[in-house]
Amino acid sequence: MLLLFTAVLLSAGLRPIVDRLNKRMPFGAAVGVAFGVMIIALAAVGFVLVQPLGAELVKLIQAVPSYASSLQNQLVVAQRYLKNDQVARQFASVFANSAGIAINTIGPHILGGPRLVAGAIGDSLLIVLLAIGWMLSSDELERFALSLIPPGVRNDWRDAFADIGARLSAYVQGVVLNGAVVGVAMGASLALLGVPYALLLGFIAAIFQAIPMVGAVISGPIVLVVVLATSGWVKMLIALAIFVVVQVIDQNALSPIIFGQRVQISFLLIILATVVGGTLLGIGGAFLAVPAAAVLQVLVVRIVAPAIRRANSSRPTVE
């Protein structure tokens, strides 16, 4: 189900492009061109990034024992200075706990090695095939679903389907753009700082940026622990400042501009959906929770709430 919903999101993200192409060519050809261009673009990006990312990841995994020893020495040095500072010790404890949670979350997946790569490739191919199938059949499925709905509320459901498609498309495009901006900002900043594995750390920040709220909590400790282990406390504190500034700018300026009023999900709903999705299905559930909440919000606002209002207004008043 996670793969299917991811495929639906991918299809929604490409739908505006397919609709533009459909004005000049048949719908099937437009779908083929859109997905073909996407696959070629991803292959080009993969050709450019996968080799250096893989090299950095392998190098990092091989150096984990030495970096673990370095990290331990750094923490021992810090304890000497934080012995009489209760607030600083509490901050260090929270930082260590967050780093441990983050590493425990993604560590088993990273250490999966070839099995992880093979599984990711297989899942990606399946998602693309499901997305193509959904794109080709979604209009027919929508017409069939509308034919089962009473004529009196059929237009409401048609508007709801259109609103869902628009919001999912805006969400996918916003997530890609937002993650790219944050990843480039973090990777470039760390590279200028002279931190090893800057490309890999920027990629991690970009990927987890797709998970609202929780993504920064996961990627932040990972980035900071690697910087601390490889470059020491001074560069780690500078990296912490850079990470905080990037996140503040993203949350208060970048995300509102990118997502704007097109997604229209309340802050409370984002928190609840992310917590529930992450609790039930892990990282994948947290990633898909917000678009699922957007779908649910549209159905409640456009279908459920008007139906309840009509039912209440039709009830006779009792004197």
C-alpha atoms as a PDB file:
ATOM      1  CA  MET A   1       0.000   0.000   0.000  1.00  0.00           C
ATOM      2  CA  LEU A   2       2.900   2.363   0.696  1.00  0.00           C
ATOM      3  CA  LEU A   3       4.306   1.711  -2.773  1.00  0.00           C
ATOM      4  CA  LEU A   4       0.894   2.213  -4.359  1.00  0.00           C
ATOM      5  CA  PHE A   5       0.293   5.516  -2.585  1.00  0.00           C
ATOM      6  CA  THR A   6       3.805   6.663  -3.516  1.00  0.00           C
ATOM      7  CA  ALA A   7       2.969   5.809  -7.125  1.00  0.00           C
ATOM      8  CA  VAL A   8      -0.242   7.851  -6.883  1.00  0.00           C
ATOM      9  CA  LEU A   9       1.812  10.797  -5.573  1.00  0.00           C
ATOM     10  CA  LEU A  10       4.279  10.442  -8.433  1.00  0.00           C
ATOM     11  CA  SER A  11       1.422  10.317 -10.913  1.00  0.00           C
ATOM     12  CA  ALA A  12      -0.158  13.421  -9.363  1.00  0.00           C
ATOM     13  CA  GLY A  13       3.144  15.280  -9.541  1.00  0.00           C
ATOM     14  CA  LEU A  14       3.521  14.559 -13.264  1.00  0.00           C
ATOM     15  CA  ARG A  15      -0.136  15.126 -14.149  1.00  0.00           C
ATOM     16  CA  PRO A  16       0.236  18.876 -14.966  1.00  0.00           C
ATOM     17  CA  ILE A  17       3.028  18.032 -17.423  1.00  0.00           C
ATOM     18  CA  VAL A  18       0.936  15.266 -19.008  1.00  0.00           C
ATOM     19  CA  ASP A  19      -2.040  17.612 -19.358  1.00  0.00           C
ATOM     20  CA  ARG A  20       0.109  20.180 -21.161  1.00  0.00           C
ATOM     21  CA  LEU A  21       1.541  17.536 -23.500  1.00  0.00           C
ATOM     22  CA  ASN A  22      -1.943  16.128 -24.097  1.00  0.00           C
ATOM     23  CA  LYS A  23      -2.868  19.356 -25.898  1.00  0.00           C
ATOM     24  CA  ARG A  24      -0.345  18.466 -28.611  1.00  0.00           C
ATOM     25  CA  MET A  25      -0.460  14.651 -28.678  1.00  0.00           C
ATOM     26  CA  PRO A  26      -2.656  11.707 -27.607  1.00  0.00           C
ATOM     27  CA  PHE A  27      -2.954  11.056 -23.883  1.00  0.00           C
ATOM     28  CA  GLY A  28      -1.053   7.753 -23.984  1.00  0.00           C
ATOM     29  CA  ALA A  29       1.816   9.357 -25.875  1.00  0.00           C
ATOM     30  CA  ALA A  30       1.858  12.264 -23.395  1.00  0.00           C
ATOM     31  CA  VAL A  31       2.132   9.804 -20.490  1.00  0.00           C
ATOM     32  CA  GLY A  32       4.968   7.970 -22.237  1.00  0.00           C
ATOM     33  CA  VAL A  33       6.873  11.179 -22.956  1.00  0.00           C
ATOM     34  CA  ALA A  34       6.438  12.542 -19.409  1.00  0.00           C
ATOM     35  CA  PHE A  35       7.598   9.350 -17.723  1.00  0.00           C
ATOM     36  CA  GLY A  36      10.359   8.843 -20.290  1.00  0.00           C
ATOM     37  CA  VAL A  37      11.767  12.310 -19.639  1.00  0.00           C
ATOM     38  CA  MET A  38      11.508  11.710 -15.875  1.00  0.00           C
ATOM     39  CA  ILE A  39      13.376   8.389 -16.122  1.00  0.00           C
ATOM     40  CA  ILE A  40      16.088   9.938 -18.305  1.00  0.00           C
ATOM     41  CA  ALA A  41      16.459  12.864 -15.884  1.00  0.00           C
ATOM     42  CA  LEU A  42      16.685  10.533 -12.880  1.00  0.00           C
ATOM     43  CA  ALA A  43      19.198   8.353 -14.708  1.00  0.00           C
ATOM     44  CA  ALA A  44      21.321  11.411 -15.493  1.00  0.00           C
ATOM     45  CA  VAL A  45      21.160  12.609 -11.887  1.00  0.00           C
ATOM     46  CA  GLY A  46      21.945   9.103 -10.706  1.00  0.00           C
ATOM     47  CA  PHE A  47      24.922   8.869 -13.057  1.00  0.00           C
ATOM     48  CA  VAL A  48      26.274  12.145 -11.671  1.00  0.00           C
ATOM     49  CA  LEU A  49      25.492  11.593  -7.980  1.00  0.00           C
ATOM     50  CA  VAL A  50      25.305   7.864  -7.277  1.00  0.00           C
ATOM     51  CA  GLN A  51      28.996   7.123  -7.808  1.00  0.00           C
ATOM     52  CA  PRO A  52      30.323   9.904  -5.508  1.00  0.00           C
ATOM     53  CA  LEU A  53      27.524   9.296  -2.981  1.00  0.00           C
ATOM     54  CA  GLY A  54      28.269   5.570  -2.959  1.00  0.00           C
ATOM     55  CA  ALA A  55      31.989   6.222  -2.599  1.00  0.00           C
ATOM     56  CA  GLU A  56      31.414   8.557   0.356  1.00  0.00           C
ATOM     57  CA  LEU A  57      28.999   6.113   1.984  1.00  0.00           C
ATOM     58  CA  VAL A  58      31.423   3.185   1.649  1.00  0.00           C
ATOM     59  CA  LYS A  59      34.280   5.304   2.963  1.00  0.00           C
ATOM     60  CA  LEU A  60      32.175   6.446   5.915  1.00  0.00           C
ATOM     61  CA  ILE A  61      31.085   2.903   6.805  1.00  0.00           C
ATOM     62  CA  GLN A  62      34.668   1.645   6.626  1.00  0.00           C
ATOM     63  CA  ALA A  63      35.849   4.470   8.872  1.00  0.00           C
ATOM     64  CA  VAL A  64      33.083   4.039  11.480  1.00  0.00           C
ATOM     65  CA  PRO A  65      35.370   2.332  14.087  1.00  0.00           C
ATOM     66  CA  SER A  66      37.949   5.137  13.982  1.00  0.00           C
ATOM     67  CA  TYR A  67      35.240   7.810  13.974  1.00  0.00           C
ATOM     68  CA  ALA A  68      33.524   6.121  16.926  1.00  0.00           C
ATOM     69  CA  SER A  69      36.778   6.338  18.865  1.00  0.00           C
ATOM     70  CA  SER A  70      37.190   9.978  17.846  1.00  0.00           C
ATOM     71  CA  LEU A  71      33.612  10.743  18.872  1.00  0.00           C
ATOM     72  CA  GLN A  72      34.187   9.136  22.258  1.00  0.00           C
ATOM     73  CA  ASN A  73      37.299  11.252  22.805  1.00  0.00           C
ATOM     74  CA  GLN A  74      35.394  14.391  21.821  1.00  0.00           C
ATOM     75  CA  LEU A  75      32.663  13.596  24.358  1.00  0.00           C
ATOM     76  CA  VAL A  76      35.251  12.922  27.085  1.00  0.00           C
ATOM     77  CA  VAL A  77      36.811  16.325  26.417  1.00  0.00           C
ATOM     78  CA  ALA A  78      33.390  17.953  26.524  1.00  0.00           C
ATOM     79  CA  GLN A  79      32.562  16.365  29.871  1.00  0.00           C
ATOM     80  CA  ARG A  80      35.529  18.131  31.454  1.00  0.00           C
ATOM     81  CA  TYR A  81      34.192  21.520  30.423  1.00  0.00           C
ATOM     82  CA  LEU A  82      30.542  20.723  31.116  1.00  0.00           C
ATOM     83  CA  LYS A  83      31.074  19.256  34.560  1.00  0.00           C
ATOM     84  CA  ASN A  84      29.754  22.328  36.372  1.00  0.00           C
ATOM     85  CA  ASP A  85      27.278  23.505  33.719  1.00  0.00           C
ATOM     86  CA  GLN A  86      23.969  21.733  34.260  1.00  0.00           C
ATOM     87  CA  VAL A  87      22.227  23.308  31.245  1.00  0.00           C
ATOM     88  CA  ALA A  88      25.049  22.398  28.892  1.00  0.00           C
ATOM     89  CA  ARG A  89      25.117  18.849  30.226  1.00  0.00           C
ATOM     90  CA  GLN A  90      21.396  18.509  29.636  1.00  0.00           C
ATOM     91  CA  PHE A  91      21.832  19.811  26.088  1.00  0.00           C
ATOM     92  CA  ALA A  92      24.623  17.292  25.475  1.00  0.00           C
ATOM     93  CA  SER A  93      22.427  14.503  26.855  1.00  0.00           C
ATOM     94  CA  VAL A  94      19.522  15.466  24.585  1.00  0.00           C
ATOM     95  CA  PHE A  95      21.875  15.686  21.605  1.00  0.00           C
ATOM     96  CA  ALA A  96      23.320  12.242  22.331  1.00  0.00           C
ATOM     97  CA  ASN A  97      19.874  10.693  22.733  1.00  0.00           C
ATOM     98  CA  SER A  98      18.638  12.247  19.470  1.00  0.00           C
ATOM     99  CA  ALA A  99      21.704  11.033  17.636  1.00  0.00           C
ATOM    100  CA  GLY A 100      21.212   7.538  19.009  1.00  0.00           C
ATOM    101  CA  ILE A 101      17.582   7.452  17.904  1.00  0.00           C
ATOM    102  CA  ALA A 102      18.479   8.708  14.435  1.00  0.00           C
ATOM    103  CA  ILE A 103      21.306   6.212  13.990  1.00  0.00           C
ATOM    104  CA  ASN A 104      19.144   3.347  15.235  1.00  0.00           C
ATOM    105  CA  THR A 105      16.446   4.396  12.769  1.00  0.00           C
ATOM    106  CA  ILE A 106      18.518   4.437   9.595  1.00  0.00           C
ATOM    107  CA  GLY A 107      21.567   2.431  10.649  1.00  0.00           C
ATOM    108  CA  PRO A 108      20.162  -1.031   9.813  1.00  0.00           C
ATOM    109  CA  HIS A 109      19.030   0.232   6.396  1.00  0.00           C
ATOM    110  CA  ILE A 110      22.429   1.745   5.545  1.00  0.00           C
ATOM    111  CA  LEU A 111      24.322  -1.349   6.629  1.00  0.00           C
ATOM    112  CA  GLY A 112      22.093  -3.479   4.410  1.00  0.00           C
ATOM    113  CA  GLY A 113      24.537  -2.819   1.583  1.00  0.00           C
ATOM    114  CA  PRO A 114      23.728  -4.556  -1.728  1.00  0.00           C
ATOM    115  CA  ARG A 115      20.425  -5.861  -0.419  1.00  0.00           C
ATOM    116  CA  LEU A 116      19.328  -2.291   0.306  1.00  0.00           C
ATOM    117  CA  VAL A 117      20.334  -1.148  -3.194  1.00  0.00           C
ATOM    118  CA  ALA A 118      18.591  -4.095  -4.864  1.00  0.00           C
ATOM    119  CA  GLY A 119      15.429  -3.542  -2.839  1.00  0.00           C
ATOM    120  CA  ALA A 120      15.426   0.198  -3.600  1.00  0.00           C
ATOM    121  CA  ILE A 121      15.832  -0.445  -7.340  1.00  0.00           C
ATOM    122  CA  GLY A 122      13.054  -3.045  -7.330  1.00  0.00           C
ATOM    123  CA  ASP A 123      10.693  -0.791  -5.361  1.00  0.00           C
ATOM    124  CA  SER A 124      11.479   2.153  -7.647  1.00  0.00           C
ATOM    125  CA  LEU A 125      10.672   0.157 -10.769  1.00  0.00           C
ATOM    126  CA  LEU A 126       7.435  -1.070  -9.218  1.00  0.00           C
ATOM    127  CA  ILE A 127       6.473   2.486  -8.217  1.00  0.00           C
ATOM    128  CA  VAL A 128       7.087   3.732 -11.773  1.00  0.00           C
ATOM    129  CA  LEU A 129       4.990   0.907 -13.269  1.00  0.00           C
ATOM    130  CA  LEU A 130       2.178   1.529 -10.776  1.00  0.00           C
ATOM    131  CA  ALA A 131       2.335   5.277 -11.480  1.00  0.00           C
ATOM    132  CA  ILE A 132       2.065   4.708 -15.228  1.00  0.00           C
ATOM    133  CA  GLY A 133      -0.846   2.335 -14.710  1.00  0.00           C
ATOM    134  CA  TRP A 134      -2.587   4.787 -12.394  1.00  0.00           C
ATOM    135  CA  MET A 135      -2.046   7.682 -14.802  1.00  0.00           C
ATOM    136  CA  LEU A 136      -3.513   5.733 -17.722  1.00  0.00           C
ATOM    137  CA  SER A 137      -6.542   4.464 -15.800  1.00  0.00           C
ATOM    138  CA  SER A 138      -7.274   7.282 -13.329  1.00  0.00           C
ATOM    139  CA  ASP A 139      -9.740   9.132 -15.596  1.00  0.00           C
ATOM    140  CA  GLU A 140     -11.674   5.939 -16.299  1.00  0.00           C
ATOM    141  CA  LEU A 141     -11.677   5.046 -12.597  1.00  0.00           C
ATOM    142  CA  GLU A 142     -12.952   8.520 -11.746  1.00  0.00           C
ATOM    143  CA  ARG A 143     -15.786   8.273 -14.282  1.00  0.00           C
ATOM    144  CA  PHE A 144     -16.728   4.848 -12.925  1.00  0.00           C
ATOM    145  CA  ALA A 145     -16.703   6.094  -9.326  1.00  0.00           C
ATOM    146  CA  LEU A 146     -18.811   9.139 -10.250  1.00  0.00           C
ATOM    147  CA  SER A 147     -21.343   6.896 -12.005  1.00  0.00           C
ATOM    148  CA  LEU A 148     -21.984   5.142  -8.662  1.00  0.00           C
ATOM    149  CA  ILE A 149     -22.698   8.406  -6.833  1.00  0.00           C
ATOM    150  CA  PRO A 150     -26.217   9.923  -6.717  1.00  0.00           C
ATOM    151  CA  PRO A 151     -26.632  12.771  -9.257  1.00  0.00           C
ATOM    152  CA  GLY A 152     -27.463  15.279  -6.522  1.00  0.00           C
ATOM    153  CA  VAL A 153     -23.955  15.159  -5.030  1.00  0.00           C
ATOM    154  CA  ARG A 154     -22.004  14.046  -8.106  1.00  0.00           C
ATOM    155  CA  ASN A 155     -20.641  17.529  -8.780  1.00  0.00           C
ATOM    156  CA  ASP A 156     -19.414  17.778  -5.190  1.00  0.00           C
ATOM    157  CA  TRP A 157     -17.426  14.560  -5.621  1.00  0.00           C
ATOM    158  CA  ARG A 158     -16.088  15.707  -8.999  1.00  0.00           C
ATOM    159  CA  ASP A 159     -14.843  18.938  -7.411  1.00  0.00           C
ATOM    160  CA  ALA A 160     -13.357  16.953  -4.530  1.00  0.00           C
ATOM    161  CA  PHE A 161     -11.435  14.677  -6.915  1.00  0.00           C
ATOM    162  CA  ALA A 162     -10.102  17.718  -8.787  1.00  0.00           C
ATOM    163  CA  ASP A 163      -9.074  19.399  -5.528  1.00  0.00           C
ATOM    164  CA  ILE A 164      -7.310  16.232  -4.333  1.00  0.00           C
ATOM    165  CA  GLY A 165      -5.364  15.986  -7.581  1.00  0.00           C
ATOM    166  CA  ALA A 166      -4.314  19.640  -7.425  1.00  0.00           C
ATOM    167  CA  ARG A 167      -3.194  19.426  -3.805  1.00  0.00           C
ATOM    168  CA  LEU A 168      -1.226  16.208  -4.287  1.00  0.00           C
ATOM    169  CA  SER A 169       0.461  17.641  -7.357  1.00  0.00           C
ATOM    170  CA  ALA A 170       1.393  20.840  -5.491  1.00  0.00           C
ATOM    171  CA  TYR A 171       2.662  18.799  -2.532  1.00  0.00           C
ATOM    172  CA  VAL A 172       4.914  16.568  -4.651  1.00  0.00           C
ATOM    173  CA  GLN A 173       6.379  19.498  -6.573  1.00  0.00           C
ATOM    174  CA  GLY A 174       6.894  21.424  -3.326  1.00  0.00           C
ATOM    175  CA  VAL A 175       8.611  18.500  -1.586  1.00  0.00           C
ATOM    176  CA  VAL A 176      11.051  18.005  -4.476  1.00  0.00           C
ATOM    177  CA  LEU A 177      11.913  21.707  -4.706  1.00  0.00           C
ATOM    178  CA  ASN A 178      12.119  22.185  -0.946  1.00  0.00           C
ATOM    179  CA  GLY A 179      14.348  19.152  -0.444  1.00  0.00           C
ATOM    180  CA  ALA A 180      16.635  20.220  -3.298  1.00  0.00           C
ATOM    181  CA  VAL A 181      17.081  23.739  -1.887  1.00  0.00           C
ATOM    182  CA  VAL A 182      17.760  22.535   1.668  1.00  0.00           C
ATOM    183  CA  GLY A 183      20.099  19.763   0.491  1.00  0.00           C
ATOM    184  CA  VAL A 184      22.124  22.089  -1.726  1.00  0.00           C
ATOM    185  CA  ALA A 185      22.314  24.719   1.025  1.00  0.00           C
ATOM    186  CA  MET A 186      23.543  22.230   3.636  1.00  0.00           C
ATOM    187  CA  GLY A 187      25.896  20.365   1.297  1.00  0.00           C
ATOM    188  CA  ALA A 188      27.484  23.556  -0.064  1.00  0.00           C
ATOM    189  CA  SER A 189      27.837  25.045   3.431  1.00  0.00           C
ATOM    190  CA  LEU A 190      29.516  21.920   4.798  1.00  0.00           C
ATOM    191  CA  ALA A 191      31.788  21.718   1.758  1.00  0.00           C
ATOM    192  CA  LEU A 192      32.884  25.345   2.250  1.00  0.00           C
ATOM    193  CA  LEU A 193      33.462  24.507   5.911  1.00  0.00           C
ATOM    194  CA  GLY A 194      35.802  21.708   4.847  1.00  0.00           C
ATOM    195  CA  VAL A 195      33.727  18.904   6.369  1.00  0.00           C
ATOM    196  CA  PRO A 196      34.226  15.417   4.876  1.00  0.00           C
ATOM    197  CA  TYR A 197      31.214  13.692   3.271  1.00  0.00           C
ATOM    198  CA  ALA A 198      29.523  17.046   2.558  1.00  0.00           C
ATOM    199  CA  LEU A 199      27.723  15.631  -0.499  1.00  0.00           C
ATOM    200  CA  LEU A 200      26.386  12.655   1.461  1.00  0.00           C
ATOM    201  CA  LEU A 201      25.282  14.818   4.397  1.00  0.00           C
ATOM    202  CA  GLY A 202      23.540  17.273   2.067  1.00  0.00           C
ATOM    203  CA  PHE A 203      21.759  14.356   0.402  1.00  0.00           C
ATOM    204  CA  ILE A 204      20.613  13.049   3.807  1.00  0.00           C
ATOM    205  CA  ALA A 205      19.281  16.499   4.728  1.00  0.00           C
ATOM    206  CA  ALA A 206      17.419  16.710   1.400  1.00  0.00           C
ATOM    207  CA  ILE A 207      15.832  13.263   1.707  1.00  0.00           C
ATOM    208  CA  PHE A 208      14.591  13.687   5.265  1.00  0.00           C
ATOM    209  CA  GLN A 209      13.308  17.185   4.500  1.00  0.00           C
ATOM    210  CA  ALA A 210      10.397  15.408   2.799  1.00  0.00           C
ATOM    211  CA  ILE A 211       9.122  14.399   6.260  1.00  0.00           C
ATOM    212  CA  PRO A 212       7.538  17.487   7.848  1.00  0.00           C
ATOM    213  CA  MET A 213       8.689  18.373  11.363  1.00  0.00           C
ATOM    214  CA  VAL A 214      10.294  14.981  12.040  1.00  0.00           C
ATOM    215  CA  GLY A 215      12.719  15.039   9.111  1.00  0.00           C
ATOM    216  CA  ALA A 216      14.948  17.736  10.606  1.00  0.00           C
ATOM    217  CA  VAL A 217      14.931  15.923  13.965  1.00  0.00           C
ATOM    218  CA  ILE A 218      16.296  12.801  12.232  1.00  0.00           C
ATOM    219  CA  SER A 219      18.756  14.377   9.783  1.00  0.00           C
ATOM    220  CA  GLY A 220      20.115  17.036  12.157  1.00  0.00           C
ATOM    221  CA  PRO A 221      21.727  14.685  14.706  1.00  0.00           C
ATOM    222  CA  ILE A 222      23.121  12.503  11.905  1.00  0.00           C
ATOM    223  CA  VAL A 223      24.817  15.480  10.253  1.00  0.00           C
ATOM    224  CA  LEU A 224      26.113  16.869  13.537  1.00  0.00           C
ATOM    225  CA  VAL A 225      27.463  13.532  14.800  1.00  0.00           C
ATOM    226  CA  VAL A 226      29.379  12.975  11.554  1.00  0.00           C
ATOM    227  CA  VAL A 227      30.779  16.520  11.664  1.00  0.00           C
ATOM    228  CA  LEU A 228      31.761  16.113  15.317  1.00  0.00           C
ATOM    229  CA  ALA A 229      33.461  12.770  14.702  1.00  0.00           C
ATOM    230  CA  THR A 230      35.347  13.966  11.620  1.00  0.00           C
ATOM    231  CA  SER A 231      36.041  17.642  12.285  1.00  0.00           C
ATOM    232  CA  GLY A 232      35.729  18.402  16.006  1.00  0.00           C
ATOM    233  CA  TRP A 233      33.597  20.608  18.197  1.00  0.00           C
ATOM    234  CA  VAL A 234      34.262  23.957  16.531  1.00  0.00           C
ATOM    235  CA  LYS A 235      33.045  22.890  13.088  1.00  0.00           C
ATOM    236  CA  MET A 236      30.193  20.932  14.670  1.00  0.00           C
ATOM    237  CA  LEU A 237      28.950  24.089  16.407  1.00  0.00           C
ATOM    238  CA  ILE A 238      29.274  26.044  13.161  1.00  0.00           C
ATOM    239  CA  ALA A 239      27.377  23.267  11.341  1.00  0.00           C
ATOM    240  CA  LEU A 240      24.703  23.393  14.066  1.00  0.00           C
ATOM    241  CA  ALA A 241      24.296  27.134  13.527  1.00  0.00           C
ATOM    242  CA  ILE A 242      24.075  26.640   9.751  1.00  0.00           C
ATOM    243  CA  PHE A 243      21.508  23.847  10.164  1.00  0.00           C
ATOM    244  CA  VAL A 244      19.349  25.950  12.507  1.00  0.00           C
ATOM    245  CA  VAL A 245      19.481  28.963  10.170  1.00  0.00           C
ATOM    246  CA  VAL A 246      18.572  26.826   7.142  1.00  0.00           C
ATOM    247  CA  GLN A 247      15.640  25.241   8.982  1.00  0.00           C
ATOM    248  CA  VAL A 248      14.355  28.579  10.303  1.00  0.00           C
ATOM    249  CA  ILE A 249      14.494  30.134   6.830  1.00  0.00           C
ATOM    250  CA  ASP A 250      12.858  27.050   5.332  1.00  0.00           C
ATOM    251  CA  GLN A 251      10.001  26.886   7.816  1.00  0.00           C
ATOM    252  CA  ASN A 252       9.253  30.610   7.888  1.00  0.00           C
ATOM    253  CA  ALA A 253      10.009  31.767   4.348  1.00  0.00           C
ATOM    254  CA  LEU A 254      10.824  28.988   1.887  1.00  0.00           C
ATOM    255  CA  SER A 255       8.069  26.477   2.647  1.00  0.00           C
ATOM    256  CA  PRO A 256       5.238  29.059   2.650  1.00  0.00           C
ATOM    257  CA  ILE A 257       6.456  30.342  -0.739  1.00  0.00           C
ATOM    258  CA  ILE A 258       6.874  26.858  -2.252  1.00  0.00           C
ATOM    259  CA  PHE A 259       3.690  25.291  -0.914  1.00  0.00           C
ATOM    260  CA  GLY A 260       1.691  28.503  -0.630  1.00  0.00           C
ATOM    261  CA  GLN A 261      -2.063  28.173  -0.417  1.00  0.00           C
ATOM    262  CA  ARG A 262      -2.248  25.232  -2.814  1.00  0.00           C
ATOM    263  CA  VAL A 263      -1.799  22.474  -0.222  1.00  0.00           C
ATOM    264  CA  GLN A 264      -3.757  24.166   2.596  1.00  0.00           C
ATOM    265  CA  ILE A 265      -3.049  21.745   5.442  1.00  0.00           C
ATOM    266  CA  SER A 266      -3.318  23.039   8.977  1.00  0.00           C
ATOM    267  CA  PHE A 267      -0.286  22.890  11.270  1.00  0.00           C
ATOM    268  CA  LEU A 268      -2.141  20.734  13.808  1.00  0.00           C
ATOM    269  CA  LEU A 269      -3.165  18.249  11.124  1.00  0.00           C
ATOM    270  CA  ILE A 270       0.445  17.997   9.907  1.00  0.00           C
ATOM    271  CA  ILE A 271       1.643  17.141  13.422  1.00  0.00           C
ATOM    272  CA  LEU A 272      -1.098  14.573  14.059  1.00  0.00           C
ATOM    273  CA  ALA A 273      -0.708  12.933  10.661  1.00  0.00           C
ATOM    274  CA  THR A 274       3.087  12.704  10.948  1.00  0.00           C
ATOM    275  CA  VAL A 275       2.948  11.219  14.444  1.00  0.00           C
ATOM    276  CA  VAL A 276       0.271   8.669  13.544  1.00  0.00           C
ATOM    277  CA  GLY A 277       1.899   7.719  10.241  1.00  0.00           C
ATOM    278  CA  GLY A 278       5.342   7.385  11.788  1.00  0.00           C
ATOM    279  CA  THR A 279       4.015   5.331  14.690  1.00  0.00           C
ATOM    280  CA  LEU A 280       2.113   2.911  12.466  1.00  0.00           C
ATOM    281  CA  LEU A 281       4.423   2.573   9.453  1.00  0.00           C
ATOM    282  CA  GLY A 282       7.782   4.102  10.389  1.00  0.00           C
ATOM    283  CA  ILE A 283       9.638   6.541   8.133  1.00  0.00           C
ATOM    284  CA  GLY A 284       7.559   5.597   5.076  1.00  0.00           C
ATOM    285  CA  GLY A 285       4.358   6.265   6.981  1.00  0.00           C
ATOM    286  CA  ALA A 286       5.617   9.645   8.188  1.00  0.00           C
ATOM    287  CA  PHE A 287       6.535  10.591   4.617  1.00  0.00           C
ATOM    288  CA  LEU A 288       3.104   9.670   3.214  1.00  0.00           C
ATOM    289  CA  ALA A 289       1.080  10.879   6.198  1.00  0.00           C
ATOM    290  CA  VAL A 290       0.767  14.526   5.109  1.00  0.00           C
ATOM    291  CA  PRO A 291      -0.560  13.877   1.577  1.00  0.00           C
ATOM    292  CA  ALA A 292      -2.922  11.259   3.038  1.00  0.00           C
ATOM    293  CA  ALA A 293      -4.116  13.881   5.521  1.00  0.00           C
ATOM    294  CA  ALA A 294      -4.625  16.328   2.644  1.00  0.00           C
ATOM    295  CA  VAL A 295      -6.870  13.795   0.895  1.00  0.00           C
ATOM    296  CA  LEU A 296      -8.812  13.179   4.102  1.00  0.00           C
ATOM    297  CA  GLN A 297      -9.179  16.918   4.716  1.00  0.00           C
ATOM    298  CA  VAL A 298     -10.631  17.493   1.239  1.00  0.00           C
ATOM    299  CA  LEU A 299     -13.138  14.661   1.683  1.00  0.00           C
ATOM    300  CA  VAL A 300     -14.225  15.940   5.096  1.00  0.00           C
ATOM    301  CA  VAL A 301     -14.530  19.590   4.023  1.00  0.00           C
ATOM    302  CA  ARG A 302     -16.175  19.013   0.630  1.00  0.00           C
ATOM    303  CA  ILE A 303     -18.219  15.847   1.215  1.00  0.00           C
ATOM    304  CA  VAL A 304     -18.713  14.865   4.851  1.00  0.00           C
ATOM    305  CA  ALA A 305     -19.300  18.299   6.384  1.00  0.00           C
ATOM    306  CA  PRO A 306     -21.841  19.456   3.714  1.00  0.00           C
ATOM    307  CA  ALA A 307     -23.697  16.132   4.068  1.00  0.00           C
ATOM    308  CA  ILE A 308     -23.930  16.615   7.839  1.00  0.00           C
ATOM    309  CA  ARG A 309     -25.141  20.204   7.397  1.00  0.00           C
ATOM    310  CA  ARG A 310     -27.807  19.112   4.901  1.00  0.00           C
ATOM    311  CA  ALA A 311     -28.944  16.346   7.247  1.00  0.00           C
ATOM    312  CA  ASN A 312     -29.187  18.761  10.183  1.00  0.00           C
ATOM    313  CA  SER A 313     -31.082  21.380   8.192  1.00  0.00           C
ATOM    314  CA  SER A 314     -33.601  18.809   6.958  1.00  0.00           C
ATOM    315  CA  ARG A 315     -34.482  17.649  10.474  1.00  0.00           C
ATOM    316  CA  PRO A 316     -37.761  19.086  11.842  1.00  0.00           C
ATOM    317  CA  THR A 317     -37.329  21.400  14.803  1.00  0.00           C
ATOM    318  CA  VAL A 318     -38.903  20.252  18.032  1.00  0.00           C
ATOM    319  CA  GLU A 319     -40.651  22.968  20.075  1.00  0.00           C
END
